[in-house]
Amino acid sequence: MEENEIIELAKTILSKNFDFLVKGIGDDAAVIRLEDNYLLLTSDMMVKETHIPSILSPSEIAFRVFTANVSDIVAMGGKPISFLISLGFKKVSREFLENFYLGLREASNLYNCPVVGGDTVRAETLILSGFCLGLTEKPIYREGRVGDKIYVTGNLGRVFSSLYIYYNFKDKIEEFEESYPEMFKKLRKPVARVDMLKDKELFTGATDISDGLGREINYFKNFQIYSEKIFKLIPKDVLDFCEEFNLNPLEVALNSGEEFELIITSKYKIKKAVEIGEIIERGRYLDDKPFKGRGYIHKFY
């Protein structure tokens, strides 16, 4: 089964109406109505073999799992207010834990979000499960209105490119990191786009890019995006890297996961973001051709 099928099955069996539940399974975070605000809840898990390159330090691992959870809260238009972390490991050193907790503290300070608890269990491999709560006066969902422009923040392609090096040239990591420092910086320490919250009143919809633009864009149902505009999101170091390794920069940008940038829909101009297309009545298109999707898809066979 693929991840989407698992989620749909969970929605079919587990979904139930409650007066206080505004949004359950199926968005970046769940939404619960409070008296004057909405509580946002999200969870993100990382497993050593799947999500954690061996070149990452314990503090970088901690920072990434914190960022992944905060990014979901931000995509829903919320301010993170507390974070919990659960750890599974077979054995662990005091040095690893100290550095891991230092990474959590750095992220906690950056996002002004306290670490308030969690759990530890024995496991056969390193497993991290983060849980973040946020608050918002108006939730933002994965949606857009016909005629809305589609925007993407920041840049795309650096995480894909650095992982390409990691999986194909492990013995030359230091050499490549010296040549492409910004690429590896985004792999090691991605930052959630909390800075965009100041413009959230302009958003009609949003989601974060965790599994690649090519996959996340499909949450918006009907759209037309343009390759020449997506190219504006690709930084020069990624273009140089693609030329060096004969890779298609557009495919790299579409498939680069764990970027934690935001896809935003709006009828207004969004500063600090690049317009890549618009919401349309029917169909999904890249330029004038049907868009079949890209990005990372979790498969469980």
Protein backbone atom coordinates (compact mmCIF):
# COMPACT_ATOMS: atom_id res chain seq x y z
CA MET A 1 0.00 0.00 0.00
CA GLU A 2 1.05 3.60 -0.57
CA GLU A 3 0.85 6.30 2.09
CA ASN A 4 -2.20 7.96 0.55
CA GLU A 5 -4.08 4.65 0.58
CA ILE A 6 -3.22 4.14 4.26
CA ILE A 7 -4.45 7.63 5.11
CA GLU A 8 -7.70 7.14 3.19
CA LEU A 9 -8.31 3.84 4.97
CA ALA A 10 -7.74 5.52 8.33
CA LYS A 11 -10.18 8.29 7.39
CA THR A 12 -12.82 5.73 6.37
CA ILE A 13 -12.58 3.76 9.62
CA LEU A 14 -11.67 6.43 12.18
CA SER A 15 -13.40 9.63 11.09
CA LYS A 16 -16.25 10.69 13.35
CA ASN A 17 -18.02 13.98 13.92
CA PHE A 18 -17.43 15.80 17.19
CA ASP A 19 -18.69 19.28 17.99
CA PHE A 20 -15.19 20.52 18.81
CA LEU A 21 -13.41 18.84 15.86
CA VAL A 22 -13.09 21.14 12.85
CA LYS A 23 -10.55 19.14 10.82
CA GLY A 24 -9.40 15.59 11.43
CA ILE A 25 -7.26 13.30 9.30
CA GLY A 26 -6.15 14.70 5.95
CA ASP A 27 -4.29 18.01 6.29
CA ASP A 28 -0.98 19.25 7.68
CA ALA A 29 -2.53 19.31 11.16
CA ALA A 30 -5.78 18.52 12.93
CA VAL A 31 -7.91 21.45 14.06
CA ILE A 32 -9.88 21.64 17.30
CA ARG A 33 -12.15 24.58 18.12
CA LEU A 34 -11.50 26.38 21.40
CA GLU A 35 -13.48 29.34 22.70
CA ASP A 36 -11.65 32.11 20.85
CA ASN A 37 -8.98 30.19 18.92
CA TYR A 38 -8.23 26.93 17.19
CA LEU A 39 -5.82 24.33 18.53
CA LEU A 40 -3.60 22.68 15.90
CA LEU A 41 -2.08 19.23 16.43
CA THR A 42 0.48 17.48 14.26
CA SER A 43 2.92 14.59 14.49
CA ASP A 44 5.93 13.71 12.38
CA MET A 45 8.09 10.60 12.67
CA MET A 46 11.64 9.91 11.50
CA VAL A 47 13.35 6.51 11.33
CA LYS A 48 17.11 6.10 11.02
CA GLU A 49 17.18 4.02 7.83
CA THR A 50 14.53 6.09 6.02
CA HIS A 51 14.94 9.70 7.12
CA ILE A 52 18.26 10.20 8.89
CA PRO A 53 21.44 10.36 6.78
CA SER A 54 24.45 9.17 8.76
CA ILE A 55 26.30 12.43 8.14
CA LEU A 56 23.89 14.29 10.43
CA SER A 57 25.00 15.07 13.96
CA PRO A 58 22.66 14.36 16.90
CA SER A 59 21.85 18.07 17.21
CA GLU A 60 21.05 18.30 13.48
CA ILE A 61 18.76 15.27 13.74
CA ALA A 62 16.89 16.91 16.61
CA PHE A 63 16.64 20.23 14.79
CA ARG A 64 15.19 18.55 11.69
CA VAL A 65 12.45 16.65 13.52
CA PHE A 66 11.50 19.83 15.39
CA THR A 67 11.38 21.78 12.13
CA ALA A 68 9.27 19.12 10.38
CA ASN A 69 6.56 19.45 13.02
CA VAL A 70 6.67 23.23 13.28
CA SER A 71 6.43 23.47 9.49
CA ASP A 72 3.06 21.67 9.58
CA ILE A 73 1.75 24.10 12.18
CA VAL A 74 2.94 27.09 10.14
CA ALA A 75 1.30 25.65 6.98
CA MET A 76 -2.02 25.73 8.89
CA GLY A 77 -1.49 29.39 9.78
CA GLY A 78 -0.57 28.66 13.38
CA LYS A 79 1.99 29.68 15.95
CA PRO A 80 3.72 26.68 17.59
CA ILE A 81 3.17 26.66 21.36
CA SER A 82 4.60 23.34 22.59
CA PHE A 83 6.59 20.34 21.36
CA LEU A 84 6.92 16.76 22.58
CA ILE A 85 9.51 14.24 21.47
CA SER A 86 9.45 10.45 21.82
CA LEU A 87 12.64 8.45 21.27
CA GLY A 88 13.20 4.79 20.48
CA PHE A 89 16.68 3.31 20.46
CA LYS A 90 18.51 0.06 21.17
CA LYS A 91 21.32 1.72 23.06
CA VAL A 92 22.44 5.33 23.27
CA SER A 93 25.36 7.24 24.76
CA ARG A 94 25.13 10.19 27.09
CA GLU A 95 27.10 12.22 24.52
CA PHE A 96 24.50 11.51 21.81
CA LEU A 97 21.62 12.52 24.08
CA GLU A 98 23.33 15.69 25.30
CA ASN A 99 23.94 16.84 21.74
CA PHE A 100 20.44 15.78 20.68
CA TYR A 101 18.91 17.84 23.47
CA LEU A 102 21.11 20.79 22.53
CA GLY A 103 19.63 20.60 19.03
CA LEU A 104 16.12 20.57 20.50
CA ARG A 105 17.00 23.58 22.63
CA GLU A 106 18.33 25.49 19.61
CA ALA A 107 15.11 24.82 17.67
CA SER A 108 12.98 25.61 20.72
CA ASN A 109 14.67 29.00 21.04
CA LEU A 110 14.40 29.73 17.32
CA TYR A 111 10.69 28.93 17.14
CA ASN A 112 9.90 30.24 20.64
CA CYS A 113 8.25 26.88 21.31
CA PRO A 114 8.98 24.97 24.55
CA VAL A 115 9.76 21.26 24.73
CA VAL A 116 7.27 19.99 27.32
CA GLY A 117 7.61 16.20 27.36
CA GLY A 118 7.61 12.94 25.42
CA ASP A 119 8.59 9.33 25.97
CA THR A 120 11.49 6.89 25.56
CA VAL A 121 11.28 3.22 24.56
CA ARG A 122 13.65 0.44 23.58
CA ALA A 123 13.67 -0.14 19.82
CA GLU A 124 15.78 -2.02 17.27
CA THR A 125 16.72 1.21 15.49
CA LEU A 126 16.64 4.94 16.12
CA ILE A 127 13.06 6.23 15.93
CA LEU A 128 11.99 9.83 16.55
CA SER A 129 8.40 10.91 16.89
CA GLY A 130 7.68 14.60 17.30
CA PHE A 131 4.35 16.09 18.30
CA CYS A 132 3.61 19.79 18.08
CA LEU A 133 0.69 21.93 19.19
CA GLY A 134 -0.13 25.33 17.75
CA LEU A 135 -2.70 28.08 18.02
CA THR A 136 -4.41 30.14 15.35
CA GLU A 137 -7.42 32.39 15.13
CA LYS A 138 -8.07 31.21 11.55
CA PRO A 139 -6.88 27.83 10.19
CA ILE A 140 -5.54 27.61 6.64
CA TYR A 141 -6.21 24.43 4.66
CA ARG A 142 -4.87 22.74 1.54
CA GLU A 143 -7.21 24.49 -0.82
CA GLY A 144 -7.51 27.32 -3.30
CA ARG A 145 -10.17 29.17 -5.25
CA VAL A 146 -10.37 29.27 -9.03
CA GLY A 147 -8.30 32.20 -10.19
CA ASP A 148 -5.97 32.17 -7.16
CA LYS A 149 -2.28 32.37 -7.93
CA ILE A 150 0.00 29.64 -6.61
CA TYR A 151 3.18 30.72 -4.83
CA VAL A 152 6.19 28.90 -3.40
CA THR A 153 8.55 30.36 -0.82
CA GLY A 154 12.34 30.17 -0.79
CA ASN A 155 14.22 27.83 -3.09
CA LEU A 156 13.97 24.19 -4.16
CA GLY A 157 16.41 21.46 -5.10
CA ARG A 158 19.14 21.69 -2.49
CA VAL A 159 17.96 18.79 -0.36
CA PHE A 160 17.58 16.47 -3.37
CA SER A 161 21.04 17.46 -4.61
CA SER A 162 22.80 16.95 -1.28
CA LEU A 163 21.11 13.54 -0.85
CA TYR A 164 22.18 12.62 -4.37
CA ILE A 165 25.76 13.13 -3.25
CA TYR A 166 25.14 11.30 0.01
CA TYR A 167 23.78 8.18 -1.68
CA ASN A 168 26.20 8.10 -4.61
CA PHE A 169 29.48 9.58 -3.36
CA LYS A 170 29.66 8.98 0.39
CA ASP A 171 33.44 8.83 0.32
CA LYS A 172 33.57 12.38 -1.10
CA ILE A 173 31.00 14.10 1.12
CA GLU A 174 33.47 16.57 2.64
CA GLU A 175 34.78 17.55 -0.79
CA PHE A 176 31.29 18.20 -2.16
CA GLU A 177 30.15 19.97 0.98
CA GLU A 178 33.03 22.37 0.58
CA SER A 179 31.99 23.04 -3.03
CA TYR A 180 28.25 23.27 -2.30
CA PRO A 181 27.91 24.52 1.31
CA GLU A 182 24.39 25.96 0.98
CA MET A 183 23.06 22.68 -0.42
CA PHE A 184 24.22 20.72 2.59
CA LYS A 185 23.17 23.45 5.01
CA LYS A 186 19.55 22.99 3.96
CA LEU A 187 19.85 19.22 4.38
CA ARG A 188 21.45 19.55 7.80
CA LYS A 189 19.37 22.34 9.27
CA PRO A 190 16.18 23.29 7.36
CA VAL A 191 14.15 26.11 8.88
CA ALA A 192 10.35 26.27 8.96
CA ARG A 193 8.89 29.39 7.32
CA VAL A 194 7.49 31.02 10.45
CA ASP A 195 8.42 34.35 8.87
CA MET A 196 5.51 33.97 6.44
CA LEU A 197 2.90 34.03 9.22
CA LYS A 198 2.85 37.82 9.09
CA ASP A 199 1.19 37.56 5.65
CA LYS A 200 -1.20 34.70 6.43
CA GLU A 201 -4.31 36.90 6.16
CA LEU A 202 -3.59 37.00 2.42
CA PHE A 203 -3.59 33.20 2.06
CA THR A 204 -6.57 31.20 0.82
CA GLY A 205 -4.67 27.93 1.19
CA ALA A 206 -1.27 26.50 2.09
CA THR A 207 0.75 23.35 2.67
CA ASP A 208 4.41 22.71 3.33
CA ILE A 209 6.80 20.88 1.03
CA SER A 210 7.88 17.73 2.86
CA ASP A 211 7.55 15.16 0.05
CA GLY A 212 8.39 17.41 -2.89
CA LEU A 213 6.57 20.13 -4.83
CA GLY A 214 5.54 17.54 -7.42
CA ARG A 215 3.53 15.64 -4.83
CA GLU A 216 2.30 18.41 -2.52
CA ILE A 217 0.87 20.51 -5.38
CA ASN A 218 -1.70 17.77 -6.00
CA TYR A 219 -3.49 18.63 -2.77
CA PHE A 220 -4.81 21.70 -4.59
CA LYS A 221 -6.84 19.51 -6.99
CA ASN A 222 -6.94 21.60 -10.19
CA PHE A 223 -4.05 23.78 -11.28
CA GLN A 224 -1.72 24.87 -14.02
CA ILE A 225 1.92 25.45 -13.17
CA TYR A 226 4.74 26.60 -15.44
CA SER A 227 8.25 25.22 -15.74
CA GLU A 228 9.83 28.60 -16.52
CA LYS A 229 8.40 29.97 -13.25
CA ILE A 230 9.50 26.94 -11.24
CA PHE A 231 13.01 27.56 -12.59
CA LYS A 232 13.00 30.84 -10.63
CA LEU A 233 12.95 28.75 -7.45
CA ILE A 234 16.11 26.85 -8.36
CA PRO A 235 19.25 28.51 -6.92
CA LYS A 236 22.46 28.80 -8.88
CA ASP A 237 24.32 26.15 -6.89
CA VAL A 238 21.63 23.59 -7.79
CA LEU A 239 21.75 24.60 -11.44
CA ASP A 240 25.55 24.22 -11.39
CA PHE A 241 25.20 20.87 -9.64
CA CYS A 242 22.67 19.62 -12.21
CA GLU A 243 24.97 20.63 -15.03
CA GLU A 244 27.88 18.83 -13.39
CA PHE A 245 25.90 15.59 -12.99
CA ASN A 246 23.69 15.86 -16.08
CA LEU A 247 20.47 16.10 -14.06
CA ASN A 248 17.26 17.84 -15.12
CA PRO A 249 16.90 20.89 -12.80
CA LEU A 250 13.11 20.90 -13.16
CA GLU A 251 12.87 17.26 -12.08
CA VAL A 252 15.21 17.95 -9.18
CA ALA A 253 13.04 20.85 -8.00
CA LEU A 254 9.82 18.84 -8.30
CA ASN A 255 11.23 15.83 -6.45
CA SER A 256 13.16 17.56 -3.67
CA GLY A 257 11.54 16.60 -0.36
CA GLU A 258 11.99 17.89 3.18
CA GLU A 259 12.51 21.43 1.89
CA PHE A 260 9.86 22.72 4.35
CA GLU A 261 9.05 25.65 2.10
CA LEU A 262 5.39 26.63 1.69
CA ILE A 263 3.00 26.33 -1.24
CA ILE A 264 0.51 29.20 -0.91
CA THR A 265 -2.64 30.11 -2.84
CA SER A 266 -3.86 33.70 -2.87
CA LYS A 267 -5.56 36.31 -5.00
CA TYR A 268 -3.02 38.81 -3.68
CA LYS A 269 0.66 39.28 -4.42
CA ILE A 270 2.71 37.36 -1.84
CA LYS A 271 6.05 38.93 -1.09
CA LYS A 272 9.02 36.63 -0.43
CA ALA A 273 7.42 33.97 -2.65
CA VAL A 274 7.53 33.07 -6.34
CA GLU A 275 4.35 32.73 -8.41
CA ILE A 276 4.41 29.41 -10.28
CA GLY A 277 0.85 29.08 -11.61
CA GLU A 278 -2.84 29.34 -10.77
CA ILE A 279 -5.87 27.37 -9.61
CA ILE A 280 -8.10 26.44 -12.56
CA GLU A 281 -11.57 24.94 -13.05
CA ARG A 282 -10.51 21.46 -14.08
CA GLY A 283 -7.36 19.43 -14.69
CA ARG A 284 -3.74 19.41 -13.60
CA TYR A 285 -1.14 20.78 -16.00
CA LEU A 286 2.55 21.50 -16.19
CA ASP A 287 2.79 24.05 -18.96
CA ASP A 288 0.25 22.68 -21.49
CA LYS A 289 0.65 18.99 -20.70
CA PRO A 290 -1.20 16.87 -18.10
CA PHE A 291 0.75 16.76 -14.86
CA LYS A 292 1.10 13.25 -13.48
CA GLY A 293 2.87 14.21 -10.27
CA ARG A 294 6.34 13.74 -8.88
CA GLY A 295 7.80 13.78 -5.40
CA TYR A 296 8.43 11.13 -2.78
CA ILE A 297 5.72 8.52 -2.16
CA HIS A 298 5.98 6.28 0.89
CA LYS A 299 5.25 2.68 -0.09
CA PHE A 300 4.56 -0.23 2.26
CA TYR A 301 4.68 -3.60 0.49
